[in-house]
C-alpha atoms as a PDB file:
ATOM      1  CA  MET A   1     -14.489  53.933 -41.667  1.00  0.00           C
ATOM      2  CA  GLU A   2     -15.644  52.582 -38.708  1.00  0.00           C
ATOM      3  CA  GLY A   3     -14.504  49.021 -37.300  1.00  0.00           C
ATOM      4  CA  VAL A   4     -10.931  49.856 -39.198  1.00  0.00           C
ATOM      5  CA  VAL A   5      -8.195  48.610 -37.194  1.00  0.00           C
ATOM      6  CA  SER A   6      -5.016  49.450 -38.014  1.00  0.00           C
ATOM      7  CA  GLN A   7      -2.528  46.848 -38.659  1.00  0.00           C
ATOM      8  CA  GLY A   8      -0.091  47.852 -35.718  1.00  0.00           C
ATOM      9  CA  VAL A   9      -3.412  46.717 -33.685  1.00  0.00           C
ATOM     10  CA  CYS A  10      -4.090  43.606 -35.612  1.00  0.00           C
ATOM     11  CA  GLN A  11      -0.300  42.847 -35.138  1.00  0.00           C
ATOM     12  CA  GLU A  12      -0.208  43.390 -31.326  1.00  0.00           C
ATOM     13  CA  ARG A  13      -3.497  41.439 -30.892  1.00  0.00           C
ATOM     14  CA  HIS A  14      -1.957  38.121 -33.027  1.00  0.00           C
ATOM     15  CA  LYS A  15       0.937  38.605 -30.873  1.00  0.00           C
ATOM     16  CA  ASN A  16      -0.828  38.715 -27.633  1.00  0.00           C
ATOM     17  CA  ILE A  17      -3.460  35.378 -29.102  1.00  0.00           C
ATOM     18  CA  GLU A  18       0.212  33.942 -29.721  1.00  0.00           C
ATOM     19  CA  ASP A  19       1.493  34.400 -26.089  1.00  0.00           C
ATOM     20  CA  LYS A  20      -1.710  33.162 -24.809  1.00  0.00           C
ATOM     21  CA  LEU A  21      -1.602  30.192 -26.983  1.00  0.00           C
ATOM     22  CA  ALA A  22       2.501  29.247 -25.974  1.00  0.00           C
ATOM     23  CA  ARG A  23       2.005  29.792 -22.002  1.00  0.00           C
ATOM     24  CA  ASP A  24      -1.060  27.475 -22.218  1.00  0.00           C
ATOM     25  CA  GLU A  25       0.625  24.980 -24.283  1.00  0.00           C
ATOM     26  CA  ARG A  26       3.571  25.350 -22.055  1.00  0.00           C
ATOM     27  CA  ARG A  27       0.992  24.622 -18.766  1.00  0.00           C
ATOM     28  CA  LEU A  28      -0.603  21.512 -20.818  1.00  0.00           C
ATOM     29  CA  ASN A  29       2.531  19.758 -21.059  1.00  0.00           C
ATOM     30  CA  GLU A  30       3.398  20.526 -17.620  1.00  0.00           C
ATOM     31  CA  HIS A  31       0.031  19.247 -16.790  1.00  0.00           C
ATOM     32  CA  ALA A  32       0.939  15.908 -18.540  1.00  0.00           C
ATOM     33  CA  ARG A  33       4.072  15.312 -16.709  1.00  0.00           C
ATOM     34  CA  GLU A  34       2.570  15.666 -13.508  1.00  0.00           C
ATOM     35  CA  ILE A  35       0.036  13.445 -14.550  1.00  0.00           C
ATOM     36  CA  ASP A  36       2.699  10.875 -15.615  1.00  0.00           C
ATOM     37  CA  ASP A  37       4.169  11.502 -12.264  1.00  0.00           C
ATOM     38  CA  ILE A  38       0.905  10.693 -10.446  1.00  0.00           C
ATOM     39  CA  ARG A  39       0.351   7.385 -12.472  1.00  0.00           C
ATOM     40  CA  GLU A  40       3.761   6.134 -11.682  1.00  0.00           C
ATOM     41  CA  LEU A  41       3.595   6.928  -8.254  1.00  0.00           C
ATOM     42  CA  THR A  42       0.184   5.374  -8.127  1.00  0.00           C
ATOM     43  CA  ARG A  43       1.652   2.581  -9.621  1.00  0.00           C
ATOM     44  CA  GLU A  44       4.490   2.404  -6.639  1.00  0.00           C
ATOM     45  CA  VAL A  45       1.686   2.706  -4.131  1.00  0.00           C
ATOM     46  CA  ALA A  46      -0.078  -0.672  -5.289  1.00  0.00           C
ATOM     47  CA  SER A  47       3.190  -2.399  -5.442  1.00  0.00           C
ATOM     48  CA  LEU A  48       4.213  -1.250  -1.633  1.00  0.00           C
ATOM     49  CA  ALA A  49       0.271  -2.065  -0.645  1.00  0.00           C
ATOM     50  CA  LYS A  50       0.682  -5.688  -2.388  1.00  0.00           C
ATOM     51  CA  GLN A  51       4.020  -5.666  -0.295  1.00  0.00           C
ATOM     52  CA  LEU A  52       2.531  -4.914   3.346  1.00  0.00           C
ATOM     53  CA  GLY A  53      -0.326  -7.242   2.601  1.00  0.00           C
ATOM     54  CA  GLU A  54       1.692 -10.147   2.179  1.00  0.00           C
ATOM     55  CA  ARG A  55       3.901  -9.207   5.183  1.00  0.00           C
ATOM     56  CA  SER A  56       0.778  -8.755   6.982  1.00  0.00           C
ATOM     57  CA  GLU A  57      -0.393 -12.332   6.299  1.00  0.00           C
ATOM     58  CA  LYS A  58       3.035 -12.981   7.187  1.00  0.00           C
ATOM     59  CA  HIS A  59       3.152 -11.737  10.661  1.00  0.00           C
ATOM     60  CA  ASP A  60      -0.559 -13.059  11.106  1.00  0.00           C
ATOM     61  CA  GLN A  61       0.758 -16.690  10.808  1.00  0.00           C
ATOM     62  CA  LYS A  62       3.645 -16.187  13.000  1.00  0.00           C
ATOM     63  CA  ILE A  63       1.415 -14.278  15.583  1.00  0.00           C
ATOM     64  CA  ASP A  64      -1.382 -17.585  15.207  1.00  0.00           C
ATOM     65  CA  GLU A  65       1.371 -19.752  16.100  1.00  0.00           C
ATOM     66  CA  LEU A  66       3.149 -17.859  18.563  1.00  0.00           C
ATOM     67  CA  MET A  67      -0.501 -17.861  20.009  1.00  0.00           C
ATOM     68  CA  SER A  68      -0.777 -21.562  20.261  1.00  0.00           C
ATOM     69  CA  LYS A  69       2.166 -22.586  21.688  1.00  0.00           C
ATOM     70  CA  PRO A  70       1.273 -21.737  25.560  1.00  0.00           C
ATOM     71  CA  GLY A  71      -1.645 -23.892  24.750  1.00  0.00           C
ATOM     72  CA  LYS A  72       0.395 -26.607  23.474  1.00  0.00           C
ATOM     73  CA  ARG A  73       2.382 -26.151  26.560  1.00  0.00           C
ATOM     74  CA  TRP A  74      -0.362 -26.731  28.528  1.00  0.00           C
ATOM     75  CA  ASP A  75      -1.636 -30.207  27.087  1.00  0.00           C
ATOM     76  CA  LEU A  76       1.686 -31.175  27.061  1.00  0.00           C
ATOM     77  CA  ILE A  77       1.932 -30.687  31.161  1.00  0.00           C
ATOM     78  CA  VAL A  78      -1.592 -31.899  31.568  1.00  0.00           C
ATOM     79  CA  ALA A  79      -0.835 -35.484  29.793  1.00  0.00           C
ATOM     80  CA  SER A  80       2.249 -35.230  31.706  1.00  0.00           C
ATOM     81  CA  VAL A  81       0.496 -35.356  34.950  1.00  0.00           C
ATOM     82  CA  ILE A  82      -2.160 -37.385  33.805  1.00  0.00           C
ATOM     83  CA  SER A  83       0.498 -40.039  32.771  1.00  0.00           C
ATOM     84  CA  SER A  84       2.269 -39.916  35.946  1.00  0.00           C
ATOM     85  CA  GLY A  85      -0.994 -40.502  37.609  1.00  0.00           C
ATOM     86  CA  ILE A  86      -1.715 -43.239  36.087  1.00  0.00           C
ATOM     87  CA  GLY A  87       1.832 -44.587  36.105  1.00  0.00           C
ATOM     88  CA  ALA A  88       1.818 -43.656  39.714  1.00  0.00           C
ATOM     89  CA  GLY A  89      -1.726 -45.592  40.107  1.00  0.00           C
ATOM     90  CA  VAL A  90      -0.710 -48.991  38.281  1.00  0.00           C
ATOM     91  CA  ALA A  91       2.764 -48.637  40.222  1.00  0.00           C
ATOM     92  CA  MET A  92       0.241 -49.097  43.608  1.00  0.00           C
ATOM     93  CA  LEU A  93      -1.894 -51.646  42.364  1.00  0.00           C
ATOM     94  CA  ILE A  94       1.381 -54.031  41.319  1.00  0.00           C
ATOM     95  CA  LYS A  95       2.819 -53.139  44.289  1.00  0.00           C
END
């Protein structure tokens, strides 16, 4: 009777297959939890990136304001000098 497998060998093979299936199912469940964690982290990173983008825009606006202040001051100084010169010239003409 060639090809006949004893009951004990058959049961051992079934046990090995069931053990492998249980191990594989456990690993799949672990991977599913890891994927869920990665998805959550991805959402959090996207939210942080959006917040950083908004902050960056605000910082750019503040930097532009700060950079324009010296130019405004210089314009004010030039206008004051011109006004003083014109005022002095008018005063000299009146005198």
